[in-house]
Amino acid sequence: MAINVLTVKRFSKRIFSNLTGASVALFCASTLAANAFDATANYVVTLRGVNIAQVAVDFDNNGQNYAVDIDGVVSGLASLVAAGTANLDSKGSLNGGDLQAEQFQLATEANNELFKVQFQAQGAKVNSFQVIPELTDNVNRVPVKQSQLTNINDPVAAFLIKADSLSPAICNRQMRIFTGIERFDINMSFAENQTATSQRTGYQGPVVLCKLKYNPVSGHFSDSASTTYMKNNQRFLMWFAPLEDTGYVIPYRVLVGTAFGDLSMVLTRLSVQ
């Protein structure tokens, strides 16, 4: 951190300025240390109430930069008919406490097939992105334009929100998301304040409920039934809970209505150091 010290002729003033500068540096360093934390969270994913996956999240924040690592694995009855893992990595900087992705990667493995997508960004603008293996050409895929890749965030950093209280402001926002393949907007709006009471979850206390609206921009298939379904989906909800006293909120529960029943992800364990 650069500290401007006025050039003065008198020795006593130089000493005073240097000591003042050192004090400021120490103060800033101690403030950053106080804001630093490492949080871990576990979630269970269910479809129509049946466990299908387990998710582990590690969120490291040093006050200037952040790193989030998410691991998911198929579990429960779903593991009898399918096997698969997924890993998401999001790294970037903090802008007024808000997470801004600079590196994002999603890697999945299912039926011995590997798939990876990643992008790099600077100042909320995507510089490059890559999909492995490359996507096959399809006339129904809406092309991603470079002009659409500004003021974006990744699908991880966007939902770890800086907030000092559970206010409607958490919900009332538009998120411009890029996954490395698809660009879409999520329009969130405030629904109500609630209280989480279930002892089977990893948190009990006040939460804020937000309604989500999915709006595809590019990278999707224009003839996709699932895209159309999600665009018109009125049952897309997210509950946010405080991440202890860190000044952040995280998803406590996510619920998405599907043609096969409710898909839900619920927090089961939370720890902050």
Protein backbone atom coordinates (compact mmCIF):
# COMPACT_ATOMS: atom_id res chain seq x y z
CA MET A 1 0.00 0.00 0.00
CA ALA A 2 1.53 3.32 -1.07
CA ILE A 3 1.64 6.08 1.56
CA ASN A 4 2.26 9.66 0.47
CA VAL A 5 4.70 11.51 2.76
CA LEU A 6 5.23 15.24 2.27
CA THR A 7 8.83 16.21 1.59
CA VAL A 8 9.93 18.65 4.26
CA LYS A 9 13.23 20.19 5.08
CA ARG A 10 13.22 19.91 8.82
CA PHE A 11 14.46 16.63 10.23
CA SER A 12 11.83 16.54 12.97
CA LYS A 13 9.04 16.80 10.42
CA ARG A 14 10.55 13.97 8.37
CA ILE A 15 10.64 11.76 11.44
CA PHE A 16 7.06 12.68 12.33
CA SER A 17 5.85 11.95 8.81
CA ASN A 18 7.63 8.60 8.67
CA LEU A 19 6.22 7.54 12.01
CA THR A 20 2.75 8.63 10.95
CA GLY A 21 3.07 6.70 7.71
CA ALA A 22 4.20 3.58 9.53
CA SER A 23 1.28 3.89 11.92
CA VAL A 24 -1.18 4.16 9.04
CA ALA A 25 0.36 1.11 7.35
CA LEU A 26 0.14 -0.92 10.54
CA PHE A 27 -3.46 0.18 11.09
CA CYS A 28 -4.46 -0.80 7.55
CA ALA A 29 -2.70 -4.15 7.87
CA SER A 30 -4.46 -4.91 11.14
CA THR A 31 -7.81 -3.89 9.62
CA LEU A 32 -7.30 -6.26 6.69
CA ALA A 33 -6.36 -9.04 9.09
CA ALA A 34 -9.50 -8.41 11.12
CA ASN A 35 -11.64 -8.69 7.98
CA ALA A 36 -9.96 -11.90 6.79
CA PHE A 37 -11.74 -15.21 7.26
CA ASP A 38 -11.96 -18.76 5.97
CA ALA A 39 -15.44 -20.26 5.86
CA THR A 40 -16.56 -23.78 5.02
CA ALA A 41 -20.10 -24.87 4.27
CA ASN A 42 -21.80 -28.12 3.34
CA TYR A 43 -25.04 -28.56 1.44
CA VAL A 44 -27.31 -31.44 0.51
CA VAL A 45 -29.09 -31.46 -2.85
CA THR A 46 -32.47 -33.17 -3.11
CA LEU A 47 -34.98 -33.83 -5.87
CA ARG A 48 -38.54 -34.31 -4.63
CA GLY A 49 -37.08 -34.80 -1.16
CA VAL A 50 -34.62 -37.53 -2.19
CA ASN A 51 -30.90 -36.91 -1.64
CA ILE A 52 -29.01 -36.85 -4.94
CA ALA A 53 -25.77 -34.95 -4.22
CA GLN A 54 -23.48 -33.50 -1.55
CA VAL A 55 -21.71 -30.15 -1.96
CA ALA A 56 -18.73 -28.76 -0.01
CA VAL A 57 -17.75 -25.08 -0.20
CA ASP A 58 -14.57 -23.36 0.97
CA PHE A 59 -14.62 -19.53 0.96
CA ASP A 60 -11.30 -17.82 1.72
CA ASN A 61 -11.28 -14.02 2.03
CA ASN A 62 -8.13 -12.11 3.03
CA GLY A 63 -9.68 -8.64 2.86
CA GLN A 64 -8.25 -7.86 -0.58
CA ASN A 65 -8.76 -11.04 -2.61
CA TYR A 66 -10.94 -14.11 -2.37
CA ALA A 67 -10.94 -17.75 -3.46
CA VAL A 68 -13.92 -20.11 -3.50
CA ASP A 69 -13.63 -23.84 -4.10
CA ILE A 70 -16.76 -25.97 -4.52
CA ASP A 71 -16.82 -29.77 -4.79
CA GLY A 72 -19.95 -31.74 -5.60
CA VAL A 73 -20.52 -35.48 -5.80
CA VAL A 74 -23.54 -37.57 -6.70
CA SER A 75 -24.86 -39.39 -3.62
CA GLY A 76 -27.82 -41.25 -2.21
CA LEU A 77 -30.13 -43.18 -4.52
CA ALA A 78 -28.81 -41.21 -7.50
CA SER A 79 -25.43 -42.92 -7.10
CA LEU A 80 -27.08 -46.25 -7.93
CA VAL A 81 -27.85 -45.13 -11.48
CA ALA A 82 -25.18 -42.50 -12.13
CA ALA A 83 -21.77 -41.39 -10.91
CA GLY A 84 -20.27 -37.98 -11.24
CA THR A 85 -18.28 -35.18 -9.66
CA ALA A 86 -18.07 -31.45 -10.23
CA ASN A 87 -15.58 -28.81 -9.13
CA LEU A 88 -15.97 -25.05 -9.38
CA ASP A 89 -13.16 -22.59 -8.66
CA SER A 90 -13.65 -18.85 -8.46
CA LYS A 91 -10.84 -16.40 -7.70
CA GLY A 92 -10.71 -12.64 -7.83
CA SER A 93 -10.54 -9.34 -6.02
CA LEU A 94 -12.77 -7.39 -3.66
CA ASN A 95 -14.39 -4.13 -4.74
CA GLY A 96 -15.83 -2.44 -1.69
CA GLY A 97 -16.16 -5.93 -0.23
CA ASP A 98 -18.05 -7.24 -3.27
CA LEU A 99 -16.53 -10.29 -4.95
CA GLN A 100 -15.40 -9.70 -8.53
CA ALA A 101 -14.32 -12.81 -10.43
CA GLU A 102 -11.05 -12.77 -12.36
CA GLN A 103 -10.64 -16.53 -12.84
CA PHE A 104 -13.43 -19.09 -13.07
CA GLN A 105 -13.31 -22.80 -13.82
CA LEU A 106 -15.88 -25.57 -13.90
CA ALA A 107 -14.75 -29.17 -14.31
CA THR A 108 -17.04 -32.20 -14.36
CA GLU A 109 -16.54 -35.92 -14.72
CA ALA A 110 -19.35 -38.36 -15.51
CA ASN A 111 -19.20 -41.80 -17.09
CA ASN A 112 -15.43 -41.38 -17.48
CA GLU A 113 -15.95 -38.28 -19.61
CA LEU A 114 -14.20 -35.04 -18.62
CA PHE A 115 -15.53 -31.57 -19.35
CA LYS A 116 -13.93 -28.25 -18.46
CA VAL A 117 -14.85 -24.62 -19.01
CA GLN A 118 -12.94 -21.59 -17.81
CA PHE A 119 -12.59 -17.86 -18.28
CA GLN A 120 -10.31 -15.01 -17.26
CA ALA A 121 -11.49 -11.47 -16.61
CA GLN A 122 -10.18 -8.10 -15.51
CA GLY A 123 -12.31 -5.23 -14.30
CA ALA A 124 -15.47 -7.31 -14.78
CA LYS A 125 -14.63 -7.76 -18.48
CA VAL A 126 -13.88 -11.20 -19.90
CA ASN A 127 -10.50 -11.40 -21.64
CA SER A 128 -10.65 -15.04 -22.73
CA PHE A 129 -12.64 -18.23 -22.26
CA GLN A 130 -12.15 -21.85 -23.20
CA VAL A 131 -14.25 -25.02 -23.36
CA ILE A 132 -12.63 -28.49 -23.37
CA PRO A 133 -13.59 -30.40 -25.44
CA GLU A 134 -14.67 -27.68 -27.84
CA LEU A 135 -18.38 -27.30 -28.39
CA THR A 136 -19.72 -28.64 -31.67
CA ASP A 137 -21.23 -26.13 -34.06
CA ASN A 138 -24.99 -25.83 -33.77
CA VAL A 139 -27.11 -23.34 -35.68
CA ASN A 140 -29.51 -23.17 -32.73
CA ARG A 141 -26.87 -21.99 -30.27
CA VAL A 142 -27.10 -18.24 -29.73
CA PRO A 143 -23.56 -16.88 -30.29
CA VAL A 144 -21.80 -15.10 -27.43
CA LYS A 145 -20.71 -11.59 -28.38
CA GLN A 146 -17.75 -9.79 -26.82
CA SER A 147 -19.98 -6.79 -26.13
CA GLN A 148 -22.03 -8.99 -23.79
CA LEU A 149 -18.99 -9.89 -21.67
CA THR A 150 -18.62 -6.65 -19.72
CA ASN A 151 -19.80 -5.90 -16.18
CA ILE A 152 -20.14 -9.63 -15.55
CA ASN A 153 -19.48 -12.00 -12.67
CA ASP A 154 -19.31 -15.76 -12.41
CA PRO A 155 -22.13 -17.93 -10.98
CA VAL A 156 -20.24 -18.42 -7.70
CA ALA A 157 -19.01 -14.93 -6.77
CA ALA A 158 -22.35 -13.34 -7.65
CA PHE A 159 -24.16 -15.11 -4.82
CA LEU A 160 -21.68 -14.45 -1.99
CA ILE A 161 -22.91 -10.99 -1.14
CA LYS A 162 -21.44 -8.25 1.04
CA ALA A 163 -24.21 -7.11 3.37
CA ASP A 164 -24.19 -5.80 6.93
CA SER A 165 -27.84 -6.72 7.54
CA LEU A 166 -30.60 -8.91 6.11
CA SER A 167 -32.26 -6.08 4.21
CA PRO A 168 -34.26 -6.14 0.95
CA ALA A 169 -31.19 -4.64 -0.74
CA ILE A 170 -29.67 -8.13 -0.77
CA CYS A 171 -32.39 -9.22 -3.18
CA ASN A 172 -33.07 -6.11 -5.21
CA ARG A 173 -30.33 -6.42 -7.82
CA GLN A 174 -29.55 -7.67 -11.31
CA MET A 175 -26.71 -10.13 -11.79
CA ARG A 176 -24.94 -10.38 -15.14
CA ILE A 177 -23.56 -13.93 -15.16
CA PHE A 178 -21.12 -15.70 -17.47
CA THR A 179 -20.32 -19.39 -17.06
CA GLY A 180 -17.72 -19.68 -19.81
CA ILE A 181 -20.44 -21.01 -22.12
CA GLU A 182 -23.61 -19.08 -21.41
CA ARG A 183 -24.37 -15.42 -20.65
CA PHE A 184 -27.54 -14.79 -18.72
CA ASP A 185 -29.03 -12.31 -16.30
CA ILE A 186 -30.56 -13.12 -12.93
CA ASN A 187 -33.04 -10.51 -11.73
CA MET A 188 -33.57 -10.84 -7.98
CA SER A 189 -36.36 -9.22 -6.01
CA PHE A 190 -37.24 -9.17 -2.33
CA ALA A 191 -39.98 -11.54 -1.17
CA GLU A 192 -39.95 -11.48 2.64
CA ASN A 193 -37.95 -11.91 5.82
CA GLN A 194 -38.28 -15.32 7.46
CA THR A 195 -36.77 -17.37 10.26
CA ALA A 196 -35.01 -20.70 9.69
CA THR A 197 -35.95 -23.07 12.50
CA SER A 198 -35.11 -26.60 11.29
CA GLN A 199 -32.57 -28.30 13.55
CA ARG A 200 -31.53 -30.51 10.63
CA THR A 201 -29.89 -27.60 8.84
CA GLY A 202 -26.60 -25.84 9.52
CA TYR A 203 -28.19 -22.57 10.63
CA GLN A 204 -31.15 -21.39 12.68
CA GLY A 205 -32.10 -17.73 12.68
CA PRO A 206 -33.26 -14.89 10.44
CA VAL A 207 -33.03 -15.28 6.66
CA VAL A 208 -34.14 -13.19 3.71
CA LEU A 209 -36.09 -14.77 0.85
CA CYS A 210 -35.48 -13.59 -2.72
CA LYS A 211 -37.31 -14.40 -5.93
CA LEU A 212 -35.11 -15.05 -8.96
CA LYS A 213 -35.88 -14.56 -12.62
CA TYR A 214 -33.66 -16.15 -15.29
CA ASN A 215 -33.15 -14.28 -18.55
CA PRO A 216 -30.97 -15.97 -21.21
CA VAL A 217 -28.73 -13.65 -23.23
CA SER A 218 -26.42 -15.86 -25.31
CA GLY A 219 -24.68 -19.22 -25.39
CA HIS A 220 -27.95 -21.13 -24.95
CA PHE A 221 -29.92 -23.11 -27.52
CA SER A 222 -32.79 -21.10 -28.96
CA ASP A 223 -34.89 -24.26 -29.29
CA SER A 224 -34.07 -25.63 -25.82
CA ALA A 225 -37.12 -26.71 -23.82
CA SER A 226 -35.19 -26.40 -20.54
CA THR A 227 -34.14 -22.83 -21.35
CA THR A 228 -37.74 -21.89 -22.11
CA TYR A 229 -38.88 -23.61 -18.92
CA MET A 230 -36.38 -21.73 -16.76
CA LYS A 231 -37.18 -18.41 -18.44
CA ASN A 232 -40.84 -18.84 -17.50
CA ASN A 233 -40.16 -20.48 -14.13
CA GLN A 234 -42.02 -18.76 -11.31
CA ARG A 235 -40.61 -21.15 -8.69
CA PHE A 236 -36.99 -20.04 -8.48
CA LEU A 237 -36.20 -18.98 -4.91
CA MET A 238 -33.14 -18.35 -2.76
CA TRP A 239 -32.84 -17.79 0.98
CA PHE A 240 -29.80 -15.92 2.29
CA ALA A 241 -28.33 -16.25 5.80
CA PRO A 242 -25.57 -14.23 7.50
CA LEU A 243 -22.10 -15.73 7.32
CA GLU A 244 -21.70 -15.24 11.07
CA ASP A 245 -20.12 -11.81 11.75
CA THR A 246 -18.08 -11.54 8.52
CA GLY A 247 -20.37 -8.96 6.91
CA TYR A 248 -21.37 -11.38 4.14
CA VAL A 249 -24.46 -13.44 3.41
CA ILE A 250 -24.51 -16.83 1.70
CA PRO A 251 -27.27 -19.03 0.28
CA TYR A 252 -29.04 -20.92 3.04
CA ARG A 253 -31.41 -22.65 0.65
CA VAL A 254 -32.00 -22.69 -3.10
CA LEU A 255 -35.20 -24.05 -4.62
CA VAL A 256 -35.87 -24.53 -8.33
CA GLY A 257 -39.13 -25.93 -9.61
CA THR A 258 -38.57 -28.50 -12.38
CA ALA A 259 -40.75 -30.76 -14.49
CA PHE A 260 -39.64 -33.62 -12.22
CA GLY A 261 -40.40 -31.86 -8.93
CA ASP A 262 -38.60 -29.38 -6.68
CA LEU A 263 -34.81 -29.35 -6.86
CA SER A 264 -33.47 -28.03 -3.56
CA MET A 265 -30.08 -27.30 -2.01
CA VAL A 266 -29.96 -26.73 1.77
CA LEU A 267 -27.13 -25.72 4.10
CA THR A 268 -26.27 -28.53 6.53
CA ARG A 269 -23.05 -27.30 8.14
CA LEU A 270 -21.28 -23.94 8.50
CA SER A 271 -17.95 -22.97 10.06
CA VAL A 272 -16.03 -19.67 10.02
CA GLN A 273 -12.46 -19.14 11.18
